[in-house]
Amino acid sequence: MSALPHTLTLKVPFADARLAGIAKRSLMVDRELSEGKVSRKIGTQDSMLIATFSADTLRMLRVSVNGFMDSLILVSKTLDAFA
């Protein structure tokens, strides 16, 4: 399969590096459902969570990012409540 042509990088700030790391570990648990059609890499840089998505179609990119955002919102609300 050729390289995935559509790419999006999200940078999400957290209050500190510890919270960004917790968010990263929480979000890495879920695999992409369409492996081969979508690639997701999650990392941190200081207090920033960085997620890069690549997909073979714009639709697959949108679906993947939407699912990630739903999970990110849940993780962020949980961190706000308990951290």
N, C-alpha and C. Protein backbone atom coordinates (compact mmCIF):
# COMPACT_ATOMS: atom_id res chain seq x y z
N MET A 1 0.85 -1.18 0.00
CA MET A 1 0.00 0.00 0.00
C MET A 1 0.89 1.24 0.00
N SER A 2 0.50 2.25 -0.76
CA SER A 2 1.29 3.48 -0.81
C SER A 2 1.06 4.30 0.45
N ALA A 3 1.85 5.35 0.58
CA ALA A 3 1.74 6.22 1.76
C ALA A 3 0.34 6.80 1.86
N LEU A 4 -0.08 7.03 3.08
CA LEU A 4 -1.41 7.60 3.32
C LEU A 4 -1.33 9.11 3.05
N PRO A 5 -2.09 9.62 2.06
CA PRO A 5 -1.89 10.98 1.57
C PRO A 5 -2.48 12.10 2.42
N HIS A 6 -3.45 11.82 3.25
CA HIS A 6 -4.13 12.87 4.02
C HIS A 6 -3.65 12.84 5.47
N THR A 7 -3.17 13.99 5.96
CA THR A 7 -2.58 14.04 7.29
C THR A 7 -3.11 15.22 8.08
N LEU A 8 -3.28 15.02 9.39
CA LEU A 8 -3.69 16.07 10.31
C LEU A 8 -2.91 15.89 11.61
N THR A 9 -2.38 16.99 12.14
CA THR A 9 -1.69 16.96 13.43
C THR A 9 -2.43 17.86 14.40
N LEU A 10 -2.79 17.31 15.56
CA LEU A 10 -3.45 18.06 16.63
C LEU A 10 -2.44 18.28 17.75
N LYS A 11 -2.41 19.50 18.26
CA LYS A 11 -1.58 19.82 19.42
C LYS A 11 -2.52 20.33 20.51
N VAL A 12 -2.56 19.59 21.62
CA VAL A 12 -3.49 19.89 22.70
C VAL A 12 -2.69 20.24 23.95
N PRO A 13 -2.84 21.47 24.45
CA PRO A 13 -2.09 21.87 25.65
C PRO A 13 -2.74 21.32 26.92
N PHE A 14 -1.89 20.89 27.85
CA PHE A 14 -2.35 20.49 29.18
C PHE A 14 -1.65 21.37 30.21
N ALA A 15 -2.12 21.33 31.44
CA ALA A 15 -1.57 22.19 32.49
C ALA A 15 -0.09 21.89 32.76
N ASP A 16 0.30 20.62 32.64
CA ASP A 16 1.70 20.26 32.85
C ASP A 16 2.02 18.96 32.11
N ALA A 17 3.30 18.62 32.09
CA ALA A 17 3.75 17.43 31.35
C ALA A 17 3.18 16.14 31.93
N ARG A 18 2.97 16.09 33.23
CA ARG A 18 2.42 14.88 33.86
C ARG A 18 1.03 14.58 33.33
N LEU A 19 0.18 15.61 33.24
CA LEU A 19 -1.18 15.42 32.73
C LEU A 19 -1.17 15.05 31.24
N ALA A 20 -0.28 15.65 30.48
CA ALA A 20 -0.16 15.30 29.06
C ALA A 20 0.23 13.83 28.91
N GLY A 21 1.13 13.36 29.78
CA GLY A 21 1.55 11.96 29.75
C GLY A 21 0.42 11.01 30.13
N ILE A 22 -0.37 11.39 31.12
CA ILE A 22 -1.52 10.56 31.51
C ILE A 22 -2.51 10.48 30.35
N ALA A 23 -2.78 11.61 29.71
CA ALA A 23 -3.70 11.62 28.57
C ALA A 23 -3.17 10.74 27.45
N LYS A 24 -1.88 10.84 27.16
CA LYS A 24 -1.27 10.02 26.11
C LYS A 24 -1.45 8.54 26.39
N ARG A 25 -1.12 8.12 27.60
CA ARG A 25 -1.24 6.70 27.95
C ARG A 25 -2.69 6.23 27.91
N SER A 26 -3.62 7.09 28.28
CA SER A 26 -5.04 6.73 28.24
C SER A 26 -5.54 6.58 26.81
N LEU A 27 -5.09 7.44 25.93
CA LEU A 27 -5.58 7.44 24.55
C LEU A 27 -4.89 6.40 23.67
N MET A 28 -3.71 5.95 24.05
CA MET A 28 -2.98 4.96 23.25
C MET A 28 -3.58 3.56 23.35
N VAL A 29 -4.42 3.34 24.32
CA VAL A 29 -4.99 2.01 24.55
C VAL A 29 -5.87 1.58 23.37
N ASP A 30 -6.63 2.53 22.81
CA ASP A 30 -7.56 2.20 21.73
C ASP A 30 -6.82 2.15 20.40
N ARG A 31 -6.94 1.02 19.71
CA ARG A 31 -6.35 0.87 18.38
C ARG A 31 -7.29 1.47 17.33
N GLU A 32 -6.73 1.79 16.18
CA GLU A 32 -7.55 2.22 15.05
C GLU A 32 -8.33 1.02 14.53
N LEU A 33 -9.60 1.23 14.23
CA LEU A 33 -10.43 0.13 13.72
C LEU A 33 -10.07 -0.23 12.28
N SER A 34 -9.64 0.73 11.52
CA SER A 34 -9.31 0.50 10.11
C SER A 34 -7.80 0.56 9.91
N GLU A 35 -7.09 -0.34 10.55
CA GLU A 35 -5.63 -0.37 10.40
C GLU A 35 -5.30 -0.63 8.93
N GLY A 36 -4.31 0.07 8.44
CA GLY A 36 -3.96 -0.01 7.03
C GLY A 36 -4.55 1.14 6.24
N LYS A 37 -5.71 1.62 6.67
CA LYS A 37 -6.33 2.77 6.04
C LYS A 37 -6.10 4.04 6.84
N VAL A 38 -5.83 3.88 8.14
CA VAL A 38 -5.62 5.02 9.03
C VAL A 38 -4.43 4.71 9.93
N SER A 39 -3.59 5.70 10.13
CA SER A 39 -2.46 5.59 11.05
C SER A 39 -2.57 6.71 12.07
N ARG A 40 -2.30 6.39 13.34
CA ARG A 40 -2.35 7.41 14.40
C ARG A 40 -1.10 7.27 15.26
N LYS A 41 -0.43 8.39 15.47
CA LYS A 41 0.73 8.43 16.36
C LYS A 41 0.46 9.47 17.43
N ILE A 42 0.67 9.09 18.69
CA ILE A 42 0.42 10.00 19.81
C ILE A 42 1.72 10.16 20.59
N GLY A 43 2.05 11.40 20.88
CA GLY A 43 3.25 11.69 21.66
C GLY A 43 3.04 12.92 22.51
N THR A 44 4.07 13.27 23.26
CA THR A 44 4.02 14.49 24.06
C THR A 44 5.30 15.28 23.85
N GLN A 45 5.18 16.57 24.06
CA GLN A 45 6.33 17.47 24.07
C GLN A 45 6.07 18.48 25.17
N ASP A 46 6.80 18.34 26.26
CA ASP A 46 6.56 19.14 27.46
C ASP A 46 5.11 18.92 27.90
N SER A 47 4.30 19.96 27.97
CA SER A 47 2.91 19.81 28.42
C SER A 47 1.93 19.71 27.26
N MET A 48 2.43 19.42 26.06
CA MET A 48 1.60 19.35 24.86
C MET A 48 1.40 17.90 24.43
N LEU A 49 0.15 17.52 24.21
CA LEU A 49 -0.17 16.23 23.62
C LEU A 49 -0.21 16.44 22.11
N ILE A 50 0.49 15.60 21.37
CA ILE A 50 0.55 15.74 19.92
C ILE A 50 0.06 14.45 19.29
N ALA A 51 -1.00 14.55 18.48
CA ALA A 51 -1.56 13.39 17.79
C ALA A 51 -1.52 13.66 16.29
N THR A 52 -0.90 12.74 15.56
CA THR A 52 -0.82 12.87 14.10
C THR A 52 -1.58 11.71 13.47
N PHE A 53 -2.49 12.06 12.58
CA PHE A 53 -3.32 11.09 11.88
C PHE A 53 -2.98 11.13 10.40
N SER A 54 -2.94 9.96 9.77
CA SER A 54 -2.79 9.85 8.32
C SER A 54 -3.84 8.86 7.84
N ALA A 55 -4.43 9.14 6.68
CA ALA A 55 -5.48 8.26 6.17
C ALA A 55 -5.47 8.25 4.65
N ASP A 56 -6.08 7.20 4.09
CA ASP A 56 -6.10 7.11 2.63
C ASP A 56 -7.20 7.97 2.01
N THR A 57 -8.23 8.33 2.78
CA THR A 57 -9.27 9.24 2.28
C THR A 57 -9.58 10.29 3.34
N LEU A 58 -10.12 11.40 2.89
CA LEU A 58 -10.51 12.45 3.83
C LEU A 58 -11.61 11.97 4.76
N ARG A 59 -12.50 11.13 4.26
CA ARG A 59 -13.58 10.60 5.10
C ARG A 59 -13.01 9.76 6.24
N MET A 60 -12.06 8.90 5.93
CA MET A 60 -11.44 8.07 6.97
C MET A 60 -10.69 8.93 7.97
N LEU A 61 -10.06 10.00 7.51
CA LEU A 61 -9.37 10.92 8.41
C LEU A 61 -10.36 11.57 9.36
N ARG A 62 -11.48 12.05 8.81
CA ARG A 62 -12.51 12.70 9.64
C ARG A 62 -13.08 11.74 10.68
N VAL A 63 -13.40 10.53 10.28
CA VAL A 63 -13.97 9.55 11.20
C VAL A 63 -12.99 9.23 12.33
N SER A 64 -11.74 9.06 11.98
CA SER A 64 -10.72 8.75 12.98
C SER A 64 -10.53 9.90 13.97
N VAL A 65 -10.44 11.11 13.45
CA VAL A 65 -10.24 12.28 14.31
C VAL A 65 -11.46 12.51 15.19
N ASN A 66 -12.66 12.33 14.65
CA ASN A 66 -13.88 12.49 15.46
C ASN A 66 -13.90 11.52 16.64
N GLY A 67 -13.56 10.27 16.39
CA GLY A 67 -13.52 9.29 17.47
C GLY A 67 -12.46 9.64 18.51
N PHE A 68 -11.31 10.09 18.05
CA PHE A 68 -10.24 10.49 18.96
C PHE A 68 -10.68 11.68 19.81
N MET A 69 -11.34 12.65 19.19
CA MET A 69 -11.79 13.84 19.92
C MET A 69 -12.80 13.47 21.01
N ASP A 70 -13.69 12.54 20.71
CA ASP A 70 -14.64 12.08 21.73
C ASP A 70 -13.89 11.50 22.93
N SER A 71 -12.89 10.68 22.66
CA SER A 71 -12.10 10.10 23.75
C SER A 71 -11.28 11.17 24.48
N LEU A 72 -10.73 12.10 23.73
CA LEU A 72 -9.93 13.18 24.33
C LEU A 72 -10.78 14.03 25.27
N ILE A 73 -12.00 14.32 24.88
CA ILE A 73 -12.91 15.10 25.74
C ILE A 73 -13.15 14.35 27.04
N LEU A 74 -13.41 13.05 26.96
CA LEU A 74 -13.64 12.24 28.15
C LEU A 74 -12.41 12.22 29.05
N VAL A 75 -11.24 12.03 28.47
CA VAL A 75 -10.00 12.02 29.25
C VAL A 75 -9.78 13.37 29.92
N SER A 76 -9.99 14.45 29.18
CA SER A 76 -9.79 15.80 29.73
C SER A 76 -10.74 16.08 30.89
N LYS A 77 -11.99 15.70 30.74
CA LYS A 77 -12.96 15.91 31.82
C LYS A 77 -12.60 15.08 33.05
N THR A 78 -12.13 13.86 32.83
CA THR A 78 -11.72 13.01 33.95
C THR A 78 -10.52 13.60 34.67
N LEU A 79 -9.54 14.09 33.91
CA LEU A 79 -8.37 14.72 34.53
C LEU A 79 -8.77 15.97 35.31
N ASP A 80 -9.70 16.75 34.76
CA ASP A 80 -10.17 17.94 35.48
C ASP A 80 -10.83 17.57 36.80
N ALA A 81 -11.55 16.45 36.80
CA ALA A 81 -12.28 16.04 38.00
C ALA A 81 -11.37 15.44 39.07
N PHE A 82 -10.31 14.73 38.66
CA PHE A 82 -9.53 13.97 39.63
C PHE A 82 -8.08 14.42 39.79
N ALA A 83 -7.57 15.22 38.88
CA ALA A 83 -6.14 15.59 38.96
C ALA A 83 -5.94 16.93 39.62
